[in-house]
Amino acid sequence: MWKKSELREAPAPLEGPVVGTIIGGTVIWFVLFLGQLPFYGWFADHGHTWWVWTCLAGGGLGLVGIWYVRARDAAIKRAEAGDRPADQL
């Protein structure tokens, strides 16, 4: 029996503005957190305070993500620079 994965190769991963995307997402999470703070009492009365804390957690994890993708990009650039001959630097 054959599997679908045997039919064709996996596509190459997409590369794009990863750092900008993560920064944008992190900003959105923090804006959502700050936008919900004035309504914290309403969220508490209806048992939805997890909405507020989810936004804060998303912003915090976004900060970790920003650190990670910046370090990843720097490592990729260092690796590419190491592959070039000395006369092309």
C-alpha atoms as a PDB file:
ATOM      1  CA  MET A   1       0.000   0.000   0.000  1.00  0.00           C
ATOM      2  CA  TRP A   2       1.362   3.446  -0.874  1.00  0.00           C
ATOM      3  CA  LYS A   3       1.201   6.592   1.223  1.00  0.00           C
ATOM      4  CA  LYS A   4       0.432  10.091   0.013  1.00  0.00           C
ATOM      5  CA  SER A   5       3.835  11.305   1.209  1.00  0.00           C
ATOM      6  CA  GLU A   6       5.481   8.922  -1.265  1.00  0.00           C
ATOM      7  CA  LEU A   7       3.877  10.641  -4.255  1.00  0.00           C
ATOM      8  CA  ARG A   8       5.914  13.846  -4.230  1.00  0.00           C
ATOM      9  CA  GLU A   9       8.595  15.649  -2.302  1.00  0.00           C
ATOM     10  CA  ALA A  10       7.747  18.105   0.425  1.00  0.00           C
ATOM     11  CA  PRO A  11       7.884  21.755  -0.680  1.00  0.00           C
ATOM     12  CA  ALA A  12      10.683  24.004   0.485  1.00  0.00           C
ATOM     13  CA  PRO A  13       9.873  26.055   3.583  1.00  0.00           C
ATOM     14  CA  LEU A  14       8.687  29.600   2.959  1.00  0.00           C
ATOM     15  CA  GLU A  15      10.982  32.377   4.087  1.00  0.00           C
ATOM     16  CA  GLY A  16       9.705  35.871   4.632  1.00  0.00           C
ATOM     17  CA  PRO A  17       9.927  38.788   7.037  1.00  0.00           C
ATOM     18  CA  VAL A  18       9.797  36.547  10.107  1.00  0.00           C
ATOM     19  CA  VAL A  19      11.021  39.136  12.606  1.00  0.00           C
ATOM     20  CA  GLY A  20       8.491  41.717  11.427  1.00  0.00           C
ATOM     21  CA  THR A  21       5.684  39.188  11.534  1.00  0.00           C
ATOM     22  CA  ILE A  22       6.484  38.155  15.110  1.00  0.00           C
ATOM     23  CA  ILE A  23       6.839  41.784  16.225  1.00  0.00           C
ATOM     24  CA  GLY A  24       3.487  42.635  14.641  1.00  0.00           C
ATOM     25  CA  GLY A  25       1.767  39.717  16.327  1.00  0.00           C
ATOM     26  CA  THR A  26       3.297  40.588  19.689  1.00  0.00           C
ATOM     27  CA  VAL A  27       2.134  44.197  19.402  1.00  0.00           C
ATOM     28  CA  ILE A  28      -1.388  43.002  18.585  1.00  0.00           C
ATOM     29  CA  TRP A  29      -1.457  40.747  21.670  1.00  0.00           C
ATOM     30  CA  PHE A  30      -0.322  43.608  23.940  1.00  0.00           C
ATOM     31  CA  VAL A  31      -2.841  46.032  22.375  1.00  0.00           C
ATOM     32  CA  LEU A  32      -5.614  43.502  22.970  1.00  0.00           C
ATOM     33  CA  PHE A  33      -4.473  43.096  26.583  1.00  0.00           C
ATOM     34  CA  LEU A  34      -4.412  46.852  27.202  1.00  0.00           C
ATOM     35  CA  GLY A  35      -7.762  47.271  25.426  1.00  0.00           C
ATOM     36  CA  GLN A  36      -9.418  44.737  27.723  1.00  0.00           C
ATOM     37  CA  LEU A  37      -8.044  46.078  31.002  1.00  0.00           C
ATOM     38  CA  PRO A  38     -10.723  48.804  31.411  1.00  0.00           C
ATOM     39  CA  PHE A  39     -13.377  46.081  31.149  1.00  0.00           C
ATOM     40  CA  TYR A  40     -11.755  43.697  33.626  1.00  0.00           C
ATOM     41  CA  GLY A  41     -14.714  43.954  35.986  1.00  0.00           C
ATOM     42  CA  TRP A  42     -17.122  42.858  33.266  1.00  0.00           C
ATOM     43  CA  PHE A  43     -14.878  39.921  32.353  1.00  0.00           C
ATOM     44  CA  ALA A  44     -14.653  38.936  36.043  1.00  0.00           C
ATOM     45  CA  ASP A  45     -18.437  39.129  36.494  1.00  0.00           C
ATOM     46  CA  HIS A  46     -19.033  36.844  33.522  1.00  0.00           C
ATOM     47  CA  GLY A  47     -16.192  34.390  34.203  1.00  0.00           C
ATOM     48  CA  HIS A  48     -14.103  35.446  31.213  1.00  0.00           C
ATOM     49  CA  THR A  49     -10.962  36.795  32.870  1.00  0.00           C
ATOM     50  CA  TRP A  50      -8.973  34.172  30.982  1.00  0.00           C
ATOM     51  CA  TRP A  51      -9.444  36.334  27.865  1.00  0.00           C
ATOM     52  CA  VAL A  52      -7.404  39.107  29.459  1.00  0.00           C
ATOM     53  CA  TRP A  53      -4.674  36.788  30.709  1.00  0.00           C
ATOM     54  CA  THR A  54      -4.505  34.949  27.401  1.00  0.00           C
ATOM     55  CA  CYS A  55      -3.647  38.228  25.677  1.00  0.00           C
ATOM     56  CA  LEU A  56      -0.934  38.933  28.239  1.00  0.00           C
ATOM     57  CA  ALA A  57       0.473  35.424  27.799  1.00  0.00           C
ATOM     58  CA  GLY A  58       0.432  35.879  24.015  1.00  0.00           C
ATOM     59  CA  GLY A  59       2.393  39.114  24.363  1.00  0.00           C
ATOM     60  CA  GLY A  60       4.895  37.501  26.721  1.00  0.00           C
ATOM     61  CA  LEU A  61       5.403  34.520  24.442  1.00  0.00           C
ATOM     62  CA  GLY A  62       5.737  36.950  21.554  1.00  0.00           C
ATOM     63  CA  LEU A  63       8.679  38.584  23.337  1.00  0.00           C
ATOM     64  CA  VAL A  64      10.329  35.164  23.582  1.00  0.00           C
ATOM     65  CA  GLY A  65       9.540  34.650  19.893  1.00  0.00           C
ATOM     66  CA  ILE A  66      11.151  37.962  18.947  1.00  0.00           C
ATOM     67  CA  TRP A  67      14.316  36.961  20.792  1.00  0.00           C
ATOM     68  CA  TYR A  68      14.295  33.550  19.105  1.00  0.00           C
ATOM     69  CA  VAL A  69      13.776  34.705  15.511  1.00  0.00           C
ATOM     70  CA  ARG A  70      16.356  37.479  15.843  1.00  0.00           C
ATOM     71  CA  ALA A  71      18.911  34.951  17.105  1.00  0.00           C
ATOM     72  CA  ARG A  72      17.921  32.568  14.290  1.00  0.00           C
ATOM     73  CA  ASP A  73      18.342  35.254  11.633  1.00  0.00           C
ATOM     74  CA  ALA A  74      21.728  36.235  13.056  1.00  0.00           C
ATOM     75  CA  ALA A  75      22.863  32.591  13.011  1.00  0.00           C
ATOM     76  CA  ILE A  76      21.705  32.170   9.415  1.00  0.00           C
ATOM     77  CA  LYS A  77      23.601  35.300   8.360  1.00  0.00           C
ATOM     78  CA  ARG A  78      26.743  34.136  10.169  1.00  0.00           C
ATOM     79  CA  ALA A  79      26.506  30.760   8.447  1.00  0.00           C
ATOM     80  CA  GLU A  80      26.075  32.388   5.044  1.00  0.00           C
ATOM     81  CA  ALA A  81      29.040  34.697   5.676  1.00  0.00           C
ATOM     82  CA  GLY A  82      31.180  31.716   6.636  1.00  0.00           C
ATOM     83  CA  ASP A  83      30.382  29.942   3.365  1.00  0.00           C
ATOM     84  CA  ARG A  84      31.682  32.761   1.153  1.00  0.00           C
ATOM     85  CA  PRO A  85      35.290  32.896  -0.001  1.00  0.00           C
ATOM     86  CA  ALA A  86      37.446  35.540   1.684  1.00  0.00           C
ATOM     87  CA  ASP A  87      37.747  37.705  -1.466  1.00  0.00           C
ATOM     88  CA  GLN A  88      33.951  38.177  -1.650  1.00  0.00           C
ATOM     89  CA  LEU A  89      33.613  39.635   1.859  1.00  0.00           C
END
